[in-house]
Every structure is written in C-alpha cells, then in structure tokens.
C-alpha cells in the first residue's frame, strides 16, 4: 500500500530557511565562499572544499513539508536502470509531475534557490533545469563520474533518506582527488546523506564523485538535477586508448601445451566441435582448461602475491601485479606462445598464427590476428571497469580471452564481477560471461562491440582472479586492421 500524505493545504508555500535569508547569515556565506573557507558547524549551511567545493543547506524545508514531499515521491513510478556506471531507480521527469508538494518544491528550486546560487557563484543559468527523483536500494550504486555533459553547470541533490541513515548505511557521496591531468586517483572525502539537506557543487573537470554501494536493507531517497548555463565549465580530458600494436608470438612446440592444458582440448575431434560452436555463437567457454596441478599452482601464487590498486577510477578500479613475476612467467609464456595461438586457431577458426593451416578453409577473411597483451588482475568487492567515450568509438575486430580462477562455488551474477558485452546501438547486453574457476572464455567482438566488468558488490564471497588478453586483426604491415568480413562471426 502506498503511503498516504499527511493532511496539508493544496498549495503549501515555501521559503528558503529563515537563517539563510537573514542579511548577516548571507553575508557570512558570501564571505566564506569568496575566501574559499570551510564551514562545518554554522547552521544552516555547511561548506567543504575538500577536494572541491560542496555547499549544503541543512533543514532545507519545513520538516513536515519534507515528510509529505517524501510521501509523494514514494507514490511515483520508478524505472530500474543499470549499465556499467550505475544500478539505481529513476522516476519520470519531475517537470511533468503535478502533485502539490513536488510542484511546490520544484518551483522553489527553479526560482529562489536558483537565484541564490547564481548570486553566490556570480554565474548566470539558462532556463533548462533537470529534475528527477532517485532511489538506491541495497546493493545499488553510482560509480565515478564528473557530471560534466553538454551545458550542465551546477549539480544539486535534496536528500530524503531515513533519519536514522548513517555512514555505515552506505550510499555516501564520495569525492575524488585528481592528479595534474584531472584524473581521479583516490577518494579524498565522504559525505553522509542527511534527511532534508540540499547540497550542490559546480560541475568541472575535477568534480569526480560517486555514490557508494547502499549496504543496509533500506532506501536512499533523493531529488537531484542540474542547473544549466550557456557557458558551462570545460569537460575532463579523455583518457588515452588502451589498445597497443600486436606482437609476434614466442616460438614453441606442443610440449608447453601438454604441460599445462587439459589433454581433451588437444584432441582434434574435440577442437573441431569447439570451433563449430564458436562459429555459431562467436563465443565459447572451455571448462577445466588447465591440468589440476597447474591450476592449483596458479591459485596458490595468486593468493600469496602482493596486489596493487590500479585506476584511474573513471576507467577502472582493480588490483594488478607485475606480469613478469617469475610465479606467472611460465603461464604467460604459454599464452604468448605460437603453440597456444595455433591451439586457439583450431578452436575458433581464426588465423592467430602464420603457422596455422585451416583444413576446411573456413577462415574469417584474410586477416591474421596477433596478440597484444595479457593482464593479471585480482577482483574483489568494489572492483569494476567502465566504458568511456573513446571506448565506444570503432575498435578493431578482436578475439578476447578471459581465464578465471578461485571463483567461489556458490558465486551468483547478482554479486557482479561478470564481463558484459554491449553494442553501440543497444543498451541491452549482447553477452554476459560469469567468472568460473579454471575456465577459459573466448569471445569474438566486432569494432562496435565493447566489454566491461560489472561492479562487484558486497554479495561476493571471496576475491577471484582473471588473466585477460586479446588478439586483433593485423594488416599486412603488422598494424591493426579495423574490420574482418562482415558476414562472419557476430555476437
């Protein structure tokens, strides 16, 4: 049953908190902002400049009004939205909602509040204002982003969280410290939502922030949006592409395969069956890929290795180790070997080695694919990778590899950590690859198909490990070729 509204007049009136409107209080606020000072104890506002300026108005609305506003918000229809960046529930555009408390607070924000912020920041907003209600349930989150888009100038949020909400509840607004290139490199500050508090900050190439995972079985309610300007701040600089040129495989013989790989995958009949499946689906997963003793050896070394965090946070948050460590060198030499490239050629039909001869002449164009790199990574709660603007530009056709280890036997995709493939023209995933222990997954991706690893939430039972890499189509000069034949291999 939807919560009923408290009895109130149909056209409730609102004004900015009385203390904010007093000349002496406004004067102090102007002074603090001009001096770039911090104020945490003076009611009714809170200023924090660490790492960028955020301003909060406490007791923003009359308490009873705020409670009735929340009751109206709870009666709205919310749509669940999820992608690489977030999982949350969003209402319809609040500009189209006519219920009395929402309509009144909208008018209040669009007029008095808008004018106040313009005065405080010496800025002029245009008539565009975005406004939605947002709810985060347990496990929901919003990862690192700057809000910098088009004409956005100032972001704002009115918290309507339960009055018992605490830092331990999760859903905190976390602010990132940037390096000299405006890349977010560490969480510098964490602000806990409080009921009936209105917070705002200017969007910039340094305004990287996120909403941490909601940990309690409760809901983080809010109204949020942006004021727009015809002269918005500059956007963050794009990250450089990760793709590198392919390199030649290491000369080897079949003995290296026999030492590491389950012998069934060295059987010609089985590899033919795998190739048929791969050609039908453009993906295949090879379970129990390594011999048991080799798999145990790898896991033991994974667990005992020192791992270092890798970012930046607007790209990924994961833990890695040096790929040339002696504990992993032999396995990586296997992955980089010509014998392994030939094995994968038999399993896929792709020409991954110049020494591969397709007995059925069922090739994917005349392309020779070369491997580029392999990454060794540890994935635990809080890890993820994100798509960025340059990631959704055309990439080379490629064969992507994922080898997972130490995945808990009761792992569930609700914990995240799976690899998701999407295309540039659809928000729905084309393919989801959940991590499975001692399993090698192979996926052929077109230039307009991209992958990310979904944020891992607190449901994950234990960390797992992944060695990933890719082969890209090479042109005659050894560089990257952009396309293979269009009539073959689609996810």
Foldseek 3Di string as FASTA:
>chain_A
DQDDADDDDQADAWDFPPQCPDPVNVVVLLVCLVVVHFDPPDPQKGWDCVVHTKIKGALGTPVSLLVRVVSVLSPFDWDWDDFQFWTWTKGPWLVPDDRRSSVNVVVCCQPVVVVSVCVSVVADFDNDKTKIKIKAFAFIKGFKDQPDDDFFWKKKKFWAFPQPFDVVQFQWKWFFDADPQLFGADTGDTHTDHHGMMMMDTGESNGIIIGTGGHDRGMTIMMIITTGHPDHYDHHDDDDDPFDFFDAFAEDDCVLVVQWFDCVLVDLVVLQVLQVVCQVAQKDKDALTTDPVNQVLLVVCVVPDDWDWDDRRVFWTWTFDDCCPPSNPSVVSCVRHLSVQLSVCSNHVEQQDPPHDDPVPPYFAPWHWGWTDKTKTKDDAFTKGDDDPVLQDFDFWKKKKKAKADADPPDDCSQWFWKFKDFSVDRDTPDIGHHDHRMMMIGTDARRMGIMTHHGHPVGPDMMMMMMTMIGTADPVSGGDRDTDPVTRDD
